[in-house]
């Protein structure tokens, strides 16, 4: 799996939607389609949300258009893309072709961005487990996991209902599902994490920062009539603390937290939801 970080420079000042992940997703798919139609189609049709997309991260001005903000000419913006697809090399190569080799422009409805920097990191499920094991052995049971939910995070609970709070059971059960759906079939027995929601709820405590906690309603798709399809979610800085957890549980939880930077948390991650950054604090 891979994480790609783009630094973007706008070609002028222009409006973008307040929640611009949906528009950025369309622009990224269009760029992929220009270099590899098969990869673009597979990313779009993936049942596991194999591409995560943060939308534009940075400073903005206000806009006179409803539900819009304005990019600033002399600012740069970050765009984080994660690739959890088991065939991540093909997706990564298409992204590199689109934004480095074939061109360096991301085209939006009201203006374009130049790609000024393209950086990537890659890992595997096994490497994440090894890193988690190292952290656990080094820190014993004294460390905490700090998660910054950078973009609205929409975790499905029942039907079309999404949670609006970084509850430990919801967050880590969502990550466990993504982990299980992306591990290579031939290594399923070796890399599977035998965890349940009850395990997360019994062995973890969540401590969200009240000053950063916000709820959101986000455009994630459009209906056949063109009408917006919205889902509810949250952003927050949240600390997860262990409570009497065994070494095996601490290792599994830590691996899932590290995994979240590649796979995102919850649903609609390709549409700008669920981008997180993680720090382990002793």
Protein backbone atom coordinates (compact mmCIF):
# COMPACT_ATOMS: atom_id res chain seq x y z
CA UNK A 1 0.00 0.00 0.00
CA UNK A 2 1.13 3.56 -0.60
CA UNK A 3 0.63 7.12 0.54
CA UNK A 4 1.16 9.92 -1.98
CA UNK A 5 1.57 13.55 -0.89
CA UNK A 6 1.07 16.27 -3.50
CA UNK A 7 1.94 19.93 -3.01
CA UNK A 8 -0.28 22.06 -5.21
CA UNK A 9 0.02 25.69 -6.32
CA UNK A 10 -3.11 27.39 -7.69
CA UNK A 11 -2.96 29.23 -11.01
CA UNK A 12 -4.78 32.23 -9.61
CA UNK A 13 -7.50 32.70 -6.99
CA UNK A 14 -10.77 30.85 -7.60
CA UNK A 15 -13.64 29.24 -5.67
CA UNK A 16 -13.80 25.59 -4.62
CA UNK A 17 -16.55 23.83 -2.66
CA UNK A 18 -16.20 24.07 1.12
CA UNK A 19 -16.05 20.26 1.20
CA UNK A 20 -14.04 19.82 -1.98
CA UNK A 21 -13.12 16.13 -1.72
CA UNK A 22 -15.88 15.14 -4.16
CA UNK A 23 -14.62 17.60 -6.78
CA UNK A 24 -10.98 16.59 -6.23
CA UNK A 25 -11.96 12.93 -6.65
CA UNK A 26 -13.46 13.69 -10.05
CA UNK A 27 -10.34 15.59 -11.09
CA UNK A 28 -8.01 12.78 -9.98
CA UNK A 29 -10.11 10.17 -11.82
CA UNK A 30 -10.05 12.32 -14.94
CA UNK A 31 -6.25 12.61 -14.73
CA UNK A 32 -5.95 8.83 -14.24
CA UNK A 33 -8.29 8.20 -17.14
CA UNK A 34 -6.01 10.16 -19.44
CA UNK A 35 -3.08 7.82 -18.73
CA UNK A 36 -4.71 4.46 -17.87
CA UNK A 37 -8.44 3.90 -18.34
CA UNK A 38 -8.36 0.46 -16.71
CA UNK A 39 -6.84 1.79 -13.48
CA UNK A 40 -9.27 4.71 -13.42
CA UNK A 41 -12.22 2.33 -13.82
CA UNK A 42 -10.93 -0.07 -11.16
CA UNK A 43 -10.41 2.74 -8.65
CA UNK A 44 -13.90 4.09 -9.32
CA UNK A 45 -15.55 0.66 -9.05
CA UNK A 46 -13.55 -0.62 -6.07
CA UNK A 47 -15.86 -1.99 -3.33
CA UNK A 48 -13.22 -1.34 -0.65
CA UNK A 49 -12.56 2.35 -1.32
CA UNK A 50 -9.03 1.58 -2.47
CA UNK A 51 -8.13 5.25 -3.02
CA UNK A 52 -8.24 7.76 -0.17
CA UNK A 53 -8.32 11.46 -0.95
CA UNK A 54 -8.00 14.29 1.57
CA UNK A 55 -9.26 17.07 -0.63
CA UNK A 56 -7.39 20.36 -0.41
CA UNK A 57 -5.66 21.06 2.91
CA UNK A 58 -4.49 24.61 3.57
CA UNK A 59 -5.61 28.22 4.11
CA UNK A 60 -8.55 29.73 2.22
CA UNK A 61 -10.36 33.03 1.81
CA UNK A 62 -14.10 33.47 1.98
CA UNK A 63 -16.26 33.34 -1.13
CA UNK A 64 -19.49 35.05 -2.13
CA UNK A 65 -20.74 31.74 -3.54
CA UNK A 66 -22.78 29.63 -1.15
CA UNK A 67 -20.96 26.57 0.25
CA UNK A 68 -17.69 27.66 -1.35
CA UNK A 69 -14.36 29.09 -0.23
CA UNK A 70 -11.58 30.68 -2.27
CA UNK A 71 -8.07 29.40 -2.84
CA UNK A 72 -5.35 32.01 -2.34
CA UNK A 73 -3.05 32.74 -5.27
CA UNK A 74 0.23 32.74 -3.34
CA UNK A 75 -0.56 29.79 -1.04
CA UNK A 76 0.28 26.13 -1.55
CA UNK A 77 -2.10 23.29 -0.74
CA UNK A 78 -1.59 19.70 0.31
CA UNK A 79 -3.42 16.77 -1.22
CA UNK A 80 -2.98 13.37 0.45
CA UNK A 81 -3.81 10.25 -1.52
CA UNK A 82 -3.71 6.75 -0.06
CA UNK A 83 -3.69 3.53 -2.08
CA UNK A 84 -4.85 0.42 -0.21
CA UNK A 85 -5.56 -1.57 -3.38
CA UNK A 86 -3.63 -4.90 -3.33
CA UNK A 87 -2.44 -3.94 -6.82
CA UNK A 88 -1.14 -0.65 -5.49
CA UNK A 89 1.85 -0.48 -7.85
CA UNK A 90 -0.43 -0.08 -10.88
CA UNK A 91 -2.41 2.72 -9.22
CA UNK A 92 0.76 4.43 -8.01
CA UNK A 93 2.34 4.25 -11.47
CA UNK A 94 -0.78 5.78 -13.02
CA UNK A 95 -0.73 8.61 -10.45
CA UNK A 96 2.94 9.25 -11.17
CA UNK A 97 2.28 9.22 -14.91
CA UNK A 98 -0.62 11.65 -14.49
CA UNK A 99 1.07 14.17 -12.20
CA UNK A 100 4.78 13.84 -12.91
CA UNK A 101 5.58 12.34 -16.29
CA UNK A 102 2.60 13.18 -18.51
CA UNK A 103 1.75 16.52 -16.95
CA UNK A 104 1.70 18.41 -13.70
CA UNK A 105 -1.77 19.94 -13.64
CA UNK A 106 -4.88 19.13 -11.61
CA UNK A 107 -7.86 20.65 -13.39
CA UNK A 108 -10.93 21.78 -11.43
CA UNK A 109 -14.15 23.43 -12.56
CA UNK A 110 -13.07 27.02 -11.81
CA UNK A 111 -9.29 26.86 -11.99
CA UNK A 112 -6.22 24.67 -12.12
CA UNK A 113 -3.40 23.66 -9.79
CA UNK A 114 0.22 22.98 -10.68
CA UNK A 115 1.77 19.98 -8.94
CA UNK A 116 4.94 21.36 -7.32
CA UNK A 117 5.93 18.25 -5.38
CA UNK A 118 5.05 14.55 -5.56
CA UNK A 119 6.30 12.32 -2.72
CA UNK A 120 5.33 8.81 -1.69
CA UNK A 121 5.86 6.21 0.99
CA UNK A 122 4.97 2.55 0.82
CA UNK A 123 4.51 -0.29 3.30
CA UNK A 124 2.86 -3.69 3.74
CA UNK A 125 0.56 -5.18 6.34
CA UNK A 126 3.47 -7.24 7.64
CA UNK A 127 5.68 -4.17 8.00
CA UNK A 128 2.93 -2.33 9.88
CA UNK A 129 2.58 -5.26 12.30
CA UNK A 130 6.34 -5.34 12.83
CA UNK A 131 6.42 -1.59 13.49
CA UNK A 132 3.50 -1.90 15.91
CA UNK A 133 5.25 -4.75 17.73
CA UNK A 134 8.40 -2.64 18.05
CA UNK A 135 6.40 0.28 19.49
CA UNK A 136 4.64 -1.97 22.01
CA UNK A 137 7.85 -3.60 23.20
CA UNK A 138 9.63 -0.25 23.46
CA UNK A 139 6.87 1.51 25.38
CA UNK A 140 5.23 -1.35 27.31
CA UNK A 141 1.72 -0.16 28.25
CA UNK A 142 2.57 3.52 28.76
CA UNK A 143 1.90 4.93 25.29
CA UNK A 144 -1.14 6.60 23.76
CA UNK A 145 -2.30 6.85 20.16
CA UNK A 146 -3.12 10.37 19.00
CA UNK A 147 -5.33 10.55 15.92
CA UNK A 148 -6.10 13.77 14.07
CA UNK A 149 -9.24 13.27 11.99
CA UNK A 150 -8.31 15.87 9.40
CA UNK A 151 -11.34 15.62 7.12
CA UNK A 152 -14.97 14.72 7.95
CA UNK A 153 -15.05 11.08 8.98
CA UNK A 154 -18.24 9.14 8.21
CA UNK A 155 -18.39 5.68 9.79
CA UNK A 156 -21.45 3.60 8.89
CA UNK A 157 -23.25 2.18 11.91
CA UNK A 158 -26.56 0.89 10.56
CA UNK A 159 -28.09 1.30 7.12
CA UNK A 160 -27.35 4.82 5.95
CA UNK A 161 -26.69 6.12 9.49
CA UNK A 162 -23.15 7.34 10.17
CA UNK A 163 -21.64 8.07 13.56
CA UNK A 164 -20.66 11.61 14.49
CA UNK A 165 -18.22 10.80 17.29
CA UNK A 166 -14.74 9.12 17.31
CA UNK A 167 -15.94 6.20 19.41
CA UNK A 168 -13.24 3.57 19.85
CA UNK A 169 -15.48 0.69 18.78
CA UNK A 170 -16.66 2.44 15.61
CA UNK A 171 -13.24 3.73 14.56
CA UNK A 172 -11.24 0.55 15.05
CA UNK A 173 -13.94 -1.82 13.81
CA UNK A 174 -14.00 0.22 10.60
CA UNK A 175 -10.22 -0.08 10.30
CA UNK A 176 -10.34 -3.81 11.02
CA UNK A 177 -12.77 -4.32 8.14
CA UNK A 178 -10.50 -2.41 5.77
CA UNK A 179 -7.45 -4.35 6.99
CA UNK A 180 -9.21 -7.70 6.45
CA UNK A 181 -10.37 -6.74 2.95
CA UNK A 182 -6.90 -5.66 1.78
CA UNK A 183 -4.56 -8.34 3.12
CA UNK A 184 -3.31 -10.75 0.41
CA UNK A 185 -5.47 -13.88 0.20
CA UNK A 186 -2.45 -16.19 0.43
CA UNK A 187 -1.43 -14.61 3.77
CA UNK A 188 -4.87 -14.32 5.30
CA UNK A 189 -4.18 -16.76 8.15
CA UNK A 190 -0.89 -15.09 8.98
CA UNK A 191 -1.96 -11.44 8.88
CA UNK A 192 -5.57 -11.65 10.05
CA UNK A 193 -6.30 -9.75 13.27
CA UNK A 194 -8.75 -11.74 15.40
CA UNK A 195 -10.42 -8.75 17.03
CA UNK A 196 -14.04 -7.82 17.76
CA UNK A 197 -15.77 -4.56 18.53
CA UNK A 198 -16.02 -5.70 22.13
CA UNK A 199 -12.23 -6.05 22.26
CA UNK A 200 -11.82 -2.41 21.24
CA UNK A 201 -14.48 -1.18 23.64
CA UNK A 202 -13.10 -3.16 26.58
CA UNK A 203 -9.42 -2.31 26.10
CA UNK A 204 -9.48 1.31 24.89
CA UNK A 205 -10.70 4.70 26.08
CA UNK A 206 -11.21 7.61 23.68
CA UNK A 207 -10.47 11.18 24.76
CA UNK A 208 -11.52 13.65 22.03
CA UNK A 209 -10.36 17.26 22.32
CA UNK A 210 -13.53 19.29 22.81
CA UNK A 211 -11.93 22.37 21.24
CA UNK A 212 -11.28 20.61 17.92
CA UNK A 213 -14.40 18.44 17.77
CA UNK A 214 -16.85 19.45 15.02
CA UNK A 215 -19.66 17.76 13.14
CA UNK A 216 -20.19 18.02 9.38
CA UNK A 217 -22.61 17.23 6.58
CA UNK A 218 -20.64 16.26 3.47
CA UNK A 219 -21.46 15.80 -0.21
CA UNK A 220 -20.38 12.24 -1.09
CA UNK A 221 -22.27 11.63 -4.34
CA UNK A 222 -25.12 12.78 -6.54
CA UNK A 223 -28.37 11.00 -7.29
CA UNK A 224 -29.71 10.18 -10.74
CA UNK A 225 -31.53 13.53 -10.72
CA UNK A 226 -28.31 15.38 -9.90
CA UNK A 227 -29.38 16.08 -6.33
CA UNK A 228 -26.75 15.96 -3.59
CA UNK A 229 -26.31 12.87 -1.44
CA UNK A 230 -25.04 13.96 1.98
CA UNK A 231 -23.57 12.02 4.89
CA UNK A 232 -22.79 13.16 8.41
CA UNK A 233 -19.38 12.92 10.05
CA UNK A 234 -16.90 14.55 12.42
CA UNK A 235 -13.42 16.05 12.66
CA UNK A 236 -11.43 16.07 15.90
CA UNK A 237 -8.13 15.42 17.61
CA UNK A 238 -8.62 12.29 19.68
CA UNK A 239 -6.34 10.35 22.03
CA UNK A 240 -6.87 6.61 22.47
CA UNK A 241 -5.55 5.12 25.72
CA UNK A 242 -5.19 1.45 26.60
CA UNK A 243 -6.95 0.02 29.65
CA UNK A 244 -5.50 -3.29 30.84
CA UNK A 245 -4.87 -4.47 27.28
CA UNK A 246 -2.67 -7.45 26.50
CA UNK A 247 0.43 -7.10 24.32
CA UNK A 248 -1.37 -8.78 21.43
CA UNK A 249 -4.28 -6.32 21.56
CA UNK A 250 -1.97 -3.32 21.89
CA UNK A 251 -0.01 -4.54 18.86
CA UNK A 252 -3.15 -5.07 16.75
CA UNK A 253 -4.65 -1.68 17.69
CA UNK A 254 -1.38 0.13 16.96
CA UNK A 255 -1.05 -1.60 13.58
CA UNK A 256 -4.59 -0.55 12.68
CA UNK A 257 -3.85 3.05 13.70
CA UNK A 258 -0.75 3.12 11.48
CA UNK A 259 -2.78 1.52 8.68
CA UNK A 260 -5.33 4.34 8.88
CA UNK A 261 -2.88 6.82 7.32
CA UNK A 262 -3.00 4.73 4.14
CA UNK A 263 -6.58 3.45 4.10
CA UNK A 264 -8.50 6.26 5.83
CA UNK A 265 -11.25 5.74 8.40
CA UNK A 266 -14.89 5.05 7.60
CA UNK A 267 -16.66 5.37 4.28
CA UNK A 268 -16.42 7.70 1.27
CA UNK A 269 -12.66 8.02 1.71
CA UNK A 270 -12.21 8.57 -2.02
CA UNK A 271 -14.61 11.54 -1.80
CA UNK A 272 -12.53 13.41 0.77
CA UNK A 273 -13.69 11.77 3.99
CA UNK A 274 -11.72 10.00 6.70
CA UNK A 275 -8.18 11.32 6.15
CA UNK A 276 -6.18 11.04 9.38
CA UNK A 277 -2.69 11.57 10.75
CA UNK A 278 -1.40 9.47 13.64
CA UNK A 279 1.23 9.90 16.34
CA UNK A 280 2.25 7.47 19.04
CA UNK A 281 3.04 9.29 22.28
CA UNK A 282 4.94 7.66 25.15
